[in-house]
Amino acid sequence: MNLILFKPEEIERPLPSNDPRWKHIREVLKVKVGESFDVGQIQGLRGKAQLKEVGRGELKLEFSWLEETPPLFPINLWVSFCRPQTCRRILQECTSLGVKHIRFFDTEKCEPAYRQSKLWTTDEWQRLLIRGAEQAFCTRLPEVKLATSLEKELMVQPDPGLRIALDNYEGVKSLGHLSNPTSEITLALGGERGWSNQERERLSEAGFTLMDLGPRVLRTDTACIAAISIIRHQLIF
């Protein structure tokens, strides 16, 4: 946890001892009264918090907001629902990498039960976004949408800019050959069992170029991280 994030409504009240951030401040950072540490307001400014008082079961903090954090990268990630553990890693790591939007949907080969996981029926997925942003020393979280199906998403006006779908079998070229993208990028990935033939056709009809990450077959979460890292490099350099 390189940056401790707070919701706007938490700024004006003491931090209770049953909050995991209390333990991190006191037992990991070992902050003493009068000392400061790095904080951020979710979707807002980054700054410092000074520990003013250690009360009975709570910490009193004073916040100073200093700077904006860099904007998120113009990357829209479309990905099939996967096993909950895979989706957990996608949420946290892709937030750390600075993706702007993440959209999950059912595909023909994914298990319908995946979207019923407690990951999605509780606030766990939101906590993973916060954890990913804290790791990256950033306050900005991606917008996450849980869609019904790939087919229905393609019927809606697609995201603007360059559209890429990763496919191990029919990719026309490697994503590593992507050169100097200048617009927003939508990156689509199937689940553990990949795309169906019909989905490949629909993606192509919707303007997606089928590309691959080389001959090795990767897990969906690993492919997300690898592909976003390649695109980020092209956007930065």
Protein backbone atom coordinates (compact mmCIF):
# COMPACT_ATOMS: atom_id res chain seq x y z
CA MET A 1 0.00 0.00 0.00
CA ASN A 2 2.02 2.95 -1.31
CA LEU A 3 -0.82 5.46 -1.01
CA ILE A 4 -3.73 5.27 1.43
CA LEU A 5 -7.01 6.24 -0.23
CA PHE A 6 -10.04 7.79 1.43
CA LYS A 7 -13.57 8.45 0.22
CA PRO A 8 -14.60 12.13 0.42
CA GLU A 9 -17.05 11.44 3.26
CA GLU A 10 -14.27 9.84 5.35
CA ILE A 11 -12.04 12.91 5.41
CA GLU A 12 -13.80 14.75 8.23
CA ARG A 13 -14.19 11.88 10.68
CA PRO A 14 -11.75 9.86 12.81
CA LEU A 15 -10.43 6.56 11.49
CA PRO A 16 -11.72 3.69 13.68
CA SER A 17 -9.42 0.91 14.88
CA ASN A 18 -11.44 -1.77 13.05
CA ASP A 19 -10.51 -0.19 9.70
CA PRO A 20 -7.64 -2.04 7.91
CA ARG A 21 -6.02 1.33 7.21
CA TRP A 22 -5.67 1.91 10.97
CA LYS A 23 -3.54 -1.22 11.25
CA HIS A 24 -1.43 -0.23 8.24
CA ILE A 25 -0.80 3.27 9.59
CA ARG A 26 0.07 2.14 13.10
CA GLU A 27 1.69 -1.28 12.61
CA VAL A 28 3.21 -1.18 9.12
CA LEU A 29 4.10 2.48 8.63
CA LYS A 30 4.48 2.95 12.41
CA VAL A 31 3.34 6.57 12.15
CA LYS A 32 3.65 8.57 15.37
CA VAL A 33 1.72 11.66 16.44
CA GLY A 34 2.96 14.63 14.44
CA GLU A 35 4.26 12.53 11.55
CA SER A 36 2.75 12.49 8.06
CA PHE A 37 2.14 9.88 5.37
CA ASP A 38 0.92 9.78 1.76
CA VAL A 39 -2.83 9.83 1.15
CA GLY A 40 -5.27 10.40 -1.68
CA GLN A 41 -8.94 11.15 -2.13
CA ILE A 42 -10.60 8.64 -4.46
CA GLN A 43 -10.91 10.24 -7.92
CA GLY A 44 -9.41 13.39 -6.44
CA LEU A 45 -6.22 14.97 -5.17
CA ARG A 46 -3.14 13.38 -3.64
CA GLY A 47 -1.47 14.79 -0.53
CA LYS A 48 -0.38 14.19 3.05
CA ALA A 49 -2.16 13.26 6.26
CA GLN A 50 -0.70 14.16 9.63
CA LEU A 51 -1.51 12.02 12.64
CA LYS A 52 -2.87 14.52 15.16
CA GLU A 53 -4.11 12.26 17.93
CA VAL A 54 -4.38 8.60 18.89
CA GLY A 55 -7.65 8.30 20.72
CA ARG A 56 -9.43 5.36 22.28
CA GLY A 57 -10.13 3.15 19.28
CA GLU A 58 -9.57 5.84 16.65
CA LEU A 59 -7.04 8.04 14.88
CA LYS A 60 -7.54 11.74 14.21
CA LEU A 61 -5.93 12.90 10.97
CA GLU A 62 -5.40 16.27 9.33
CA PHE A 63 -5.29 16.28 5.53
CA SER A 64 -3.38 18.56 3.15
CA TRP A 65 -4.16 18.19 -0.54
CA LEU A 66 -1.25 19.00 -2.83
CA GLU A 67 -1.57 17.73 -6.40
CA GLU A 68 -3.57 16.03 -9.11
CA THR A 69 -2.56 12.54 -10.17
CA PRO A 70 -1.91 11.77 -13.85
CA PRO A 71 -4.95 10.85 -15.98
CA LEU A 72 -5.70 7.22 -16.76
CA PHE A 73 -4.54 5.77 -20.07
CA PRO A 74 -7.14 5.83 -22.89
CA ILE A 75 -7.55 2.05 -22.76
CA ASN A 76 -10.97 0.38 -22.62
CA LEU A 77 -10.64 -3.26 -21.54
CA TRP A 78 -13.39 -5.64 -22.65
CA VAL A 79 -13.06 -9.08 -21.06
CA SER A 80 -15.22 -12.16 -20.65
CA PHE A 81 -16.32 -13.20 -17.18
CA CYS A 82 -13.75 -15.70 -15.88
CA ARG A 83 -13.19 -17.63 -12.69
CA PRO A 84 -13.49 -15.22 -9.74
CA GLN A 85 -9.81 -15.50 -8.83
CA THR A 86 -8.84 -14.55 -12.38
CA CYS A 87 -11.21 -11.57 -12.35
CA ARG A 88 -9.79 -10.44 -9.01
CA ARG A 89 -6.33 -10.22 -10.50
CA ILE A 90 -7.62 -8.44 -13.60
CA LEU A 91 -9.41 -5.82 -11.49
CA GLN A 92 -6.46 -5.09 -9.23
CA GLU A 93 -3.58 -5.28 -11.71
CA CYS A 94 -5.33 -3.45 -14.55
CA THR A 95 -6.22 -0.65 -12.13
CA SER A 96 -2.54 -0.44 -11.17
CA LEU A 97 -1.67 -0.25 -14.87
CA GLY A 98 -4.00 2.72 -15.35
CA VAL A 99 -6.80 1.36 -17.56
CA LYS A 100 -9.64 3.85 -18.04
CA HIS A 101 -12.61 1.45 -18.40
CA ILE A 102 -13.12 -2.25 -17.66
CA ARG A 103 -16.15 -4.05 -19.07
CA PHE A 104 -17.02 -7.66 -18.19
CA PHE A 105 -19.59 -9.68 -20.16
CA ASP A 106 -20.76 -13.24 -20.84
CA THR A 107 -19.39 -15.07 -23.88
CA GLU A 108 -20.53 -18.30 -25.47
CA LYS A 109 -17.84 -20.37 -23.76
CA CYS A 110 -17.85 -18.84 -20.26
CA GLU A 111 -19.66 -20.32 -17.26
CA PRO A 112 -22.87 -18.37 -16.43
CA ALA A 113 -22.25 -18.99 -12.72
CA TYR A 114 -19.14 -16.79 -12.75
CA ARG A 115 -21.16 -13.57 -12.59
CA GLN A 116 -22.97 -14.86 -9.46
CA SER A 117 -19.74 -14.98 -7.43
CA LYS A 118 -19.58 -12.96 -4.20
CA LEU A 119 -16.88 -10.96 -5.98
CA TRP A 120 -19.69 -9.26 -7.90
CA THR A 121 -22.57 -9.52 -5.42
CA THR A 122 -20.63 -7.71 -2.66
CA ASP A 123 -18.35 -4.66 -2.72
CA GLU A 124 -15.26 -6.86 -3.05
CA TRP A 125 -14.62 -5.80 -6.66
CA GLN A 126 -14.61 -2.14 -5.62
CA ARG A 127 -12.10 -2.83 -2.86
CA LEU A 128 -9.81 -4.48 -5.41
CA LEU A 129 -9.88 -1.32 -7.54
CA ILE A 130 -8.84 0.73 -4.52
CA ARG A 131 -6.04 -1.72 -3.70
CA GLY A 132 -4.75 -1.51 -7.26
CA ALA A 133 -4.77 2.29 -7.24
CA GLU A 134 -3.02 2.41 -3.85
CA GLN A 135 -0.28 0.17 -5.21
CA ALA A 136 0.20 2.52 -8.18
CA PHE A 137 0.31 5.65 -5.98
CA CYS A 138 -2.72 6.96 -7.83
CA THR A 139 -6.17 8.20 -6.81
CA ARG A 140 -7.98 7.41 -10.05
CA LEU A 141 -10.12 4.29 -10.45
CA PRO A 142 -11.38 2.85 -13.74
CA GLU A 143 -15.07 2.79 -14.54
CA VAL A 144 -16.32 -0.81 -14.35
CA LYS A 145 -19.40 -2.10 -16.15
CA LEU A 146 -20.95 -5.56 -15.81
CA ALA A 147 -22.63 -6.15 -19.16
CA THR A 148 -24.98 -8.92 -20.23
CA SER A 149 -23.15 -10.33 -23.25
CA LEU A 150 -20.57 -9.53 -25.90
CA GLU A 151 -23.30 -9.58 -28.53
CA LYS A 152 -25.32 -6.90 -26.77
CA GLU A 153 -22.23 -4.76 -26.18
CA LEU A 154 -21.39 -4.89 -29.87
CA MET A 155 -24.91 -3.74 -30.73
CA VAL A 156 -24.31 -0.57 -28.74
CA GLN A 157 -22.14 2.15 -30.30
CA PRO A 158 -18.60 0.80 -29.76
CA ASP A 159 -15.96 2.79 -27.94
CA PRO A 160 -14.18 5.20 -30.30
CA GLY A 161 -10.70 4.72 -31.70
CA LEU A 162 -8.64 1.62 -32.40
CA ARG A 163 -10.29 -1.75 -31.63
CA ILE A 164 -8.25 -4.89 -30.99
CA ALA A 165 -9.40 -8.40 -30.02
CA LEU A 166 -6.78 -10.89 -28.87
CA ASP A 167 -7.07 -14.32 -30.45
CA ASN A 168 -4.50 -17.14 -30.34
CA TYR A 169 -5.82 -18.88 -33.43
CA GLU A 170 -6.82 -16.24 -35.97
CA GLY A 171 -4.77 -13.20 -34.95
CA VAL A 172 -3.48 -11.54 -38.13
CA LYS A 173 -0.37 -10.12 -36.43
CA SER A 174 1.30 -9.72 -33.06
CA LEU A 175 0.22 -6.94 -30.73
CA GLY A 176 3.93 -6.15 -30.39
CA HIS A 177 3.79 -4.74 -33.94
CA LEU A 178 1.28 -2.09 -32.90
CA SER A 179 2.89 1.24 -33.71
CA ASN A 180 2.23 4.66 -32.21
CA PRO A 181 -1.49 4.54 -31.43
CA THR A 182 -2.85 8.08 -31.26
CA SER A 183 -6.43 7.49 -30.17
CA GLU A 184 -8.45 5.62 -27.60
CA ILE A 185 -7.93 1.86 -27.69
CA THR A 186 -10.48 -0.84 -26.97
CA LEU A 187 -8.88 -4.19 -26.12
CA ALA A 188 -11.13 -7.28 -26.05
CA LEU A 189 -10.22 -10.66 -24.54
CA GLY A 190 -12.21 -13.87 -24.29
CA GLY A 191 -12.32 -16.15 -21.28
CA GLU A 192 -10.28 -19.25 -20.48
CA ARG A 193 -11.68 -21.06 -23.53
CA GLY A 194 -11.38 -18.14 -25.92
CA TRP A 195 -13.80 -16.83 -28.54
CA SER A 196 -16.30 -18.87 -30.55
CA ASN A 197 -16.22 -18.65 -34.37
CA GLN A 198 -19.39 -16.58 -34.31
CA GLU A 199 -17.86 -14.14 -31.81
CA ARG A 200 -14.78 -13.76 -33.99
CA GLU A 201 -17.02 -12.87 -36.92
CA ARG A 202 -19.02 -10.37 -34.89
CA LEU A 203 -15.88 -8.72 -33.52
CA SER A 204 -14.47 -8.36 -37.03
CA GLU A 205 -17.76 -6.91 -38.28
CA ALA A 206 -17.65 -4.37 -35.43
CA GLY A 207 -14.22 -3.13 -36.51
CA PHE A 208 -11.98 -5.15 -34.19
CA THR A 209 -8.65 -6.37 -35.58
CA LEU A 210 -7.73 -9.86 -34.39
CA MET A 211 -4.19 -9.88 -32.97
CA ASP A 212 -2.15 -12.20 -30.76
CA LEU A 213 0.61 -12.15 -28.15
CA GLY A 214 2.77 -14.78 -29.84
CA PRO A 215 2.62 -18.60 -29.88
CA ARG A 216 2.24 -19.19 -26.15
CA VAL A 217 -1.26 -19.69 -24.73
CA LEU A 218 -1.68 -17.43 -21.69
CA ARG A 219 -4.22 -17.25 -18.90
CA THR A 220 -6.74 -14.45 -19.37
CA ASP A 221 -5.35 -12.37 -16.49
CA THR A 222 -1.77 -12.79 -17.72
CA ALA A 223 -2.83 -11.85 -21.26
CA CYS A 224 -4.58 -8.71 -19.95
CA ILE A 225 -1.47 -7.57 -18.10
CA ALA A 226 0.88 -8.36 -21.00
CA ALA A 227 -1.31 -6.66 -23.62
CA ILE A 228 -1.94 -3.54 -21.56
CA SER A 229 1.78 -3.25 -20.83
CA ILE A 230 2.55 -3.35 -24.57
CA ILE A 231 -0.11 -0.73 -25.35
CA ARG A 232 1.02 1.51 -22.48
CA HIS A 233 4.57 1.42 -23.81
CA GLN A 234 3.36 2.53 -27.24
CA LEU A 235 1.23 5.31 -25.74
CA ILE A 236 4.09 6.64 -23.60
CA PHE A 237 6.96 6.33 -26.07
